[in-house]
Amino acid sequence: MAHHMDLILWRHAEAEDSAPDAKRKLTAHGEKQAKRMAHWLKERLPDDVRILSSPALRCIQTAQALGLPFEESSLLSTSASPQDLLTAAGWPQSGGTVVIVGHQPTLGQVAALLLTGEESDWNIKKASVWWFGIRDSEITLYAVTGPNLALA
């Protein structure tokens, strides 16, 4: 049977610049961004999607915009390595579809790693989604979109 898995990297939406870092809340603009992206995602996600979020409040609030159950994973915190993230997602062995709500620079490093085989600091904008798939060991980038494009 063909093996496939989809991995969706979703950077948290715009957050307040207050300390401590883990408790930074989304701004009103950030909430709007998260809602827009959640709407775009919801129309495309399968019923059995797994959603994992960093424990940081701004990521939890971004994940909550989907209105679906999600788990927090300490492997997705601000200090996460690309390998931590891929381990949390179970990429590529676990199959199915996994959404990761996380942080820069880790998300951009994962994107670079998946597409080029090397970690580079790629920029993933706030609230944006990068949707990867693997089919029979071939990795494809299916979509990159942000809240400005994902208009409801």
C-alpha atoms as a PDB file:
ATOM      1  CA  MET A   1       0.000   0.000   0.000  1.00  0.00           C
ATOM      2  CA  ALA A   2       1.227   3.476  -0.841  1.00  0.00           C
ATOM      3  CA  HIS A   3       2.460   5.374   2.192  1.00  0.00           C
ATOM      4  CA  HIS A   4       1.383   8.933   2.646  1.00  0.00           C
ATOM      5  CA  MET A   5       1.213  11.624   5.192  1.00  0.00           C
ATOM      6  CA  ASP A   6       0.408  15.329   5.178  1.00  0.00           C
ATOM      7  CA  LEU A   7       2.217  17.755   7.486  1.00  0.00           C
ATOM      8  CA  ILE A   8       0.795  21.253   7.863  1.00  0.00           C
ATOM      9  CA  LEU A   9       3.005  23.866   9.501  1.00  0.00           C
ATOM     10  CA  TRP A  10       0.994  26.769  10.923  1.00  0.00           C
ATOM     11  CA  ARG A  11       2.806  29.668  12.521  1.00  0.00           C
ATOM     12  CA  HIS A  12       0.970  31.398  15.346  1.00  0.00           C
ATOM     13  CA  ALA A  13      -0.797  34.648  14.511  1.00  0.00           C
ATOM     14  CA  GLU A  14       0.322  38.117  15.602  1.00  0.00           C
ATOM     15  CA  ALA A  15       0.848  38.375  19.375  1.00  0.00           C
ATOM     16  CA  GLU A  16       1.347  41.181  21.878  1.00  0.00           C
ATOM     17  CA  ASP A  17       4.934  42.195  22.628  1.00  0.00           C
ATOM     18  CA  SER A  18       4.602  41.642  26.361  1.00  0.00           C
ATOM     19  CA  ALA A  19       6.669  39.412  28.631  1.00  0.00           C
ATOM     20  CA  PRO A  20       6.841  36.622  29.736  1.00  0.00           C
ATOM     21  CA  ASP A  21       7.133  35.088  26.293  1.00  0.00           C
ATOM     22  CA  ALA A  22       5.073  31.952  26.991  1.00  0.00           C
ATOM     23  CA  LYS A  23       2.065  34.046  28.046  1.00  0.00           C
ATOM     24  CA  ARG A  24       1.945  36.455  25.094  1.00  0.00           C
ATOM     25  CA  LYS A  25      -1.629  36.725  23.831  1.00  0.00           C
ATOM     26  CA  LEU A  26      -2.838  37.261  20.284  1.00  0.00           C
ATOM     27  CA  THR A  27      -3.657  40.835  19.361  1.00  0.00           C
ATOM     28  CA  ALA A  28      -7.117  41.632  17.947  1.00  0.00           C
ATOM     29  CA  HIS A  29      -5.467  41.567  14.507  1.00  0.00           C
ATOM     30  CA  GLY A  30      -3.870  38.210  15.368  1.00  0.00           C
ATOM     31  CA  GLU A  31      -7.253  36.754  16.318  1.00  0.00           C
ATOM     32  CA  LYS A  32      -8.612  37.862  12.954  1.00  0.00           C
ATOM     33  CA  GLN A  33      -5.612  36.262  11.181  1.00  0.00           C
ATOM     34  CA  ALA A  34      -6.092  33.004  13.086  1.00  0.00           C
ATOM     35  CA  LYS A  35      -9.819  32.903  12.261  1.00  0.00           C
ATOM     36  CA  ARG A  36      -9.185  33.469   8.569  1.00  0.00           C
ATOM     37  CA  MET A  37      -6.594  30.729   8.361  1.00  0.00           C
ATOM     38  CA  ALA A  38      -8.707  28.389  10.469  1.00  0.00           C
ATOM     39  CA  HIS A  39     -11.598  28.881   8.044  1.00  0.00           C
ATOM     40  CA  TRP A  40      -9.343  28.062   5.083  1.00  0.00           C
ATOM     41  CA  LEU A  41      -7.920  24.987   6.817  1.00  0.00           C
ATOM     42  CA  LYS A  42     -11.232  23.658   8.090  1.00  0.00           C
ATOM     43  CA  GLU A  43     -12.648  23.379   4.586  1.00  0.00           C
ATOM     44  CA  ARG A  44      -9.668  21.219   3.585  1.00  0.00           C
ATOM     45  CA  LEU A  45      -8.744  19.102   6.608  1.00  0.00           C
ATOM     46  CA  PRO A  46      -9.803  15.458   6.854  1.00  0.00           C
ATOM     47  CA  ASP A  47     -11.982  14.375   9.807  1.00  0.00           C
ATOM     48  CA  ASP A  48      -9.164  12.368  11.366  1.00  0.00           C
ATOM     49  CA  VAL A  49      -6.636  15.216  11.454  1.00  0.00           C
ATOM     50  CA  ARG A  50      -4.286  15.404  14.464  1.00  0.00           C
ATOM     51  CA  ILE A  51      -3.533  18.907  15.715  1.00  0.00           C
ATOM     52  CA  LEU A  52      -0.511  19.638  17.901  1.00  0.00           C
ATOM     53  CA  SER A  53       0.313  23.010  19.432  1.00  0.00           C
ATOM     54  CA  SER A  54       3.233  24.556  21.231  1.00  0.00           C
ATOM     55  CA  PRO A  55       2.351  25.208  24.898  1.00  0.00           C
ATOM     56  CA  ALA A  56       2.856  28.971  24.320  1.00  0.00           C
ATOM     57  CA  LEU A  57      -0.425  30.852  24.734  1.00  0.00           C
ATOM     58  CA  ARG A  58      -0.209  32.507  21.287  1.00  0.00           C
ATOM     59  CA  CYS A  59      -0.044  29.064  19.655  1.00  0.00           C
ATOM     60  CA  ILE A  60      -2.863  27.654  21.789  1.00  0.00           C
ATOM     61  CA  GLN A  61      -5.072  30.612  20.848  1.00  0.00           C
ATOM     62  CA  THR A  62      -4.200  30.135  17.166  1.00  0.00           C
ATOM     63  CA  ALA A  63      -5.052  26.406  17.376  1.00  0.00           C
ATOM     64  CA  GLN A  64      -8.311  27.200  19.207  1.00  0.00           C
ATOM     65  CA  ALA A  65      -9.506  29.181  16.177  1.00  0.00           C
ATOM     66  CA  LEU A  66     -10.037  25.838  14.407  1.00  0.00           C
ATOM     67  CA  GLY A  67     -12.588  24.749  16.992  1.00  0.00           C
ATOM     68  CA  LEU A  68     -11.206  21.192  16.884  1.00  0.00           C
ATOM     69  CA  PRO A  69      -9.550  19.110  19.606  1.00  0.00           C
ATOM     70  CA  PHE A  70      -5.780  19.563  19.817  1.00  0.00           C
ATOM     71  CA  GLU A  71      -2.911  18.469  22.028  1.00  0.00           C
ATOM     72  CA  GLU A  72      -0.131  20.587  23.464  1.00  0.00           C
ATOM     73  CA  SER A  73       3.380  19.238  22.988  1.00  0.00           C
ATOM     74  CA  SER A  74       6.489  20.511  24.746  1.00  0.00           C
ATOM     75  CA  LEU A  75       8.430  19.248  21.694  1.00  0.00           C
ATOM     76  CA  LEU A  76       6.974  22.266  19.854  1.00  0.00           C
ATOM     77  CA  SER A  77       8.105  24.997  22.252  1.00  0.00           C
ATOM     78  CA  THR A  78      10.105  28.070  21.193  1.00  0.00           C
ATOM     79  CA  SER A  79      13.366  26.154  21.702  1.00  0.00           C
ATOM     80  CA  ALA A  80      12.282  23.186  19.552  1.00  0.00           C
ATOM     81  CA  SER A  81      14.648  21.801  16.937  1.00  0.00           C
ATOM     82  CA  PRO A  82      13.382  20.729  13.509  1.00  0.00           C
ATOM     83  CA  GLN A  83      13.908  17.114  14.614  1.00  0.00           C
ATOM     84  CA  ASP A  84      11.784  17.677  17.740  1.00  0.00           C
ATOM     85  CA  LEU A  85       8.964  18.914  15.547  1.00  0.00           C
ATOM     86  CA  LEU A  86       9.188  16.006  13.117  1.00  0.00           C
ATOM     87  CA  THR A  87       9.280  13.564  16.065  1.00  0.00           C
ATOM     88  CA  ALA A  88       6.166  15.165  17.589  1.00  0.00           C
ATOM     89  CA  ALA A  89       4.392  14.903  14.232  1.00  0.00           C
ATOM     90  CA  GLY A  90       5.495  11.320  13.651  1.00  0.00           C
ATOM     91  CA  TRP A  91       6.793  12.332  10.201  1.00  0.00           C
ATOM     92  CA  PRO A  92       6.686  10.443   7.959  1.00  0.00           C
ATOM     93  CA  GLN A  93       5.864   7.101   9.623  1.00  0.00           C
ATOM     94  CA  SER A  94       2.584   7.923  11.336  1.00  0.00           C
ATOM     95  CA  GLY A  95       0.620   8.663   8.161  1.00  0.00           C
ATOM     96  CA  GLY A  96      -2.575  10.697   8.137  1.00  0.00           C
ATOM     97  CA  THR A  97      -2.684  14.471   8.424  1.00  0.00           C
ATOM     98  CA  VAL A  98      -1.007  16.443  11.204  1.00  0.00           C
ATOM     99  CA  VAL A  99      -1.244  20.180  11.830  1.00  0.00           C
ATOM    100  CA  ILE A 100       1.592  21.710  13.866  1.00  0.00           C
ATOM    101  CA  VAL A 101       0.971  25.129  15.420  1.00  0.00           C
ATOM    102  CA  GLY A 102       4.393  26.474  16.281  1.00  0.00           C
ATOM    103  CA  HIS A 103       7.129  29.062  16.101  1.00  0.00           C
ATOM    104  CA  GLN A 104       9.862  30.534  14.002  1.00  0.00           C
ATOM    105  CA  PRO A 105      12.654  29.760  13.366  1.00  0.00           C
ATOM    106  CA  THR A 106      11.776  26.055  13.812  1.00  0.00           C
ATOM    107  CA  LEU A 107       8.929  25.973  11.269  1.00  0.00           C
ATOM    108  CA  GLY A 108      11.040  27.608   8.562  1.00  0.00           C
ATOM    109  CA  GLN A 109      13.921  25.247   9.307  1.00  0.00           C
ATOM    110  CA  VAL A 110      11.582  22.265   8.920  1.00  0.00           C
ATOM    111  CA  ALA A 111      10.240  23.625   5.621  1.00  0.00           C
ATOM    112  CA  ALA A 112      13.790  24.041   4.301  1.00  0.00           C
ATOM    113  CA  LEU A 113      14.771  20.579   5.526  1.00  0.00           C
ATOM    114  CA  LEU A 114      11.792  18.894   3.852  1.00  0.00           C
ATOM    115  CA  LEU A 115      12.322  20.640   0.511  1.00  0.00           C
ATOM    116  CA  THR A 116      16.118  20.800   0.283  1.00  0.00           C
ATOM    117  CA  GLY A 117      17.405  18.215   2.744  1.00  0.00           C
ATOM    118  CA  GLU A 118      19.209  20.933   4.700  1.00  0.00           C
ATOM    119  CA  GLU A 119      18.188  23.195   7.558  1.00  0.00           C
ATOM    120  CA  SER A 120      18.100  26.857   6.534  1.00  0.00           C
ATOM    121  CA  ASP A 121      16.409  29.799   8.180  1.00  0.00           C
ATOM    122  CA  TRP A 122      13.407  30.252   5.904  1.00  0.00           C
ATOM    123  CA  ASN A 123      10.856  32.871   6.779  1.00  0.00           C
ATOM    124  CA  ILE A 124       7.322  31.715   7.536  1.00  0.00           C
ATOM    125  CA  LYS A 125       5.119  34.717   8.161  1.00  0.00           C
ATOM    126  CA  LYS A 126       2.804  35.001  11.152  1.00  0.00           C
ATOM    127  CA  ALA A 127      -0.426  32.980  10.818  1.00  0.00           C
ATOM    128  CA  SER A 128       0.768  31.437   7.525  1.00  0.00           C
ATOM    129  CA  VAL A 129       0.391  27.787   6.580  1.00  0.00           C
ATOM    130  CA  TRP A 130       2.816  25.565   4.661  1.00  0.00           C
ATOM    131  CA  TRP A 131       1.180  22.251   3.640  1.00  0.00           C
ATOM    132  CA  PHE A 132       3.521  19.371   2.808  1.00  0.00           C
ATOM    133  CA  GLY A 133       2.734  15.859   1.711  1.00  0.00           C
ATOM    134  CA  ILE A 134       4.791  12.737   1.302  1.00  0.00           C
ATOM    135  CA  ARG A 135       3.691  10.020  -1.121  1.00  0.00           C
ATOM    136  CA  ASP A 136       5.915   6.987  -1.635  1.00  0.00           C
ATOM    137  CA  SER A 137       8.883   8.917  -0.178  1.00  0.00           C
ATOM    138  CA  GLU A 138       8.426  11.883  -2.521  1.00  0.00           C
ATOM    139  CA  ILE A 139       7.873  15.157  -0.664  1.00  0.00           C
ATOM    140  CA  THR A 140       5.652  17.819  -2.226  1.00  0.00           C
ATOM    141  CA  LEU A 141       4.750  21.297  -1.057  1.00  0.00           C
ATOM    142  CA  TYR A 142       1.026  21.541  -1.836  1.00  0.00           C
ATOM    143  CA  ALA A 143       0.169  24.994  -0.549  1.00  0.00           C
ATOM    144  CA  VAL A 144       1.613  28.069   1.085  1.00  0.00           C
ATOM    145  CA  THR A 145      -0.951  30.623   2.144  1.00  0.00           C
ATOM    146  CA  GLY A 146      -1.401  33.372   4.655  1.00  0.00           C
ATOM    147  CA  PRO A 147      -4.295  35.259   6.170  1.00  0.00           C
ATOM    148  CA  ASN A 148      -4.176  37.933   3.464  1.00  0.00           C
ATOM    149  CA  LEU A 149      -4.774  35.323   0.754  1.00  0.00           C
ATOM    150  CA  ALA A 150      -7.143  33.058   2.673  1.00  0.00           C
ATOM    151  CA  LEU A 151     -10.039  35.441   2.635  1.00  0.00           C
ATOM    152  CA  ALA A 152     -13.273  33.847   3.765  1.00  0.00           C
END
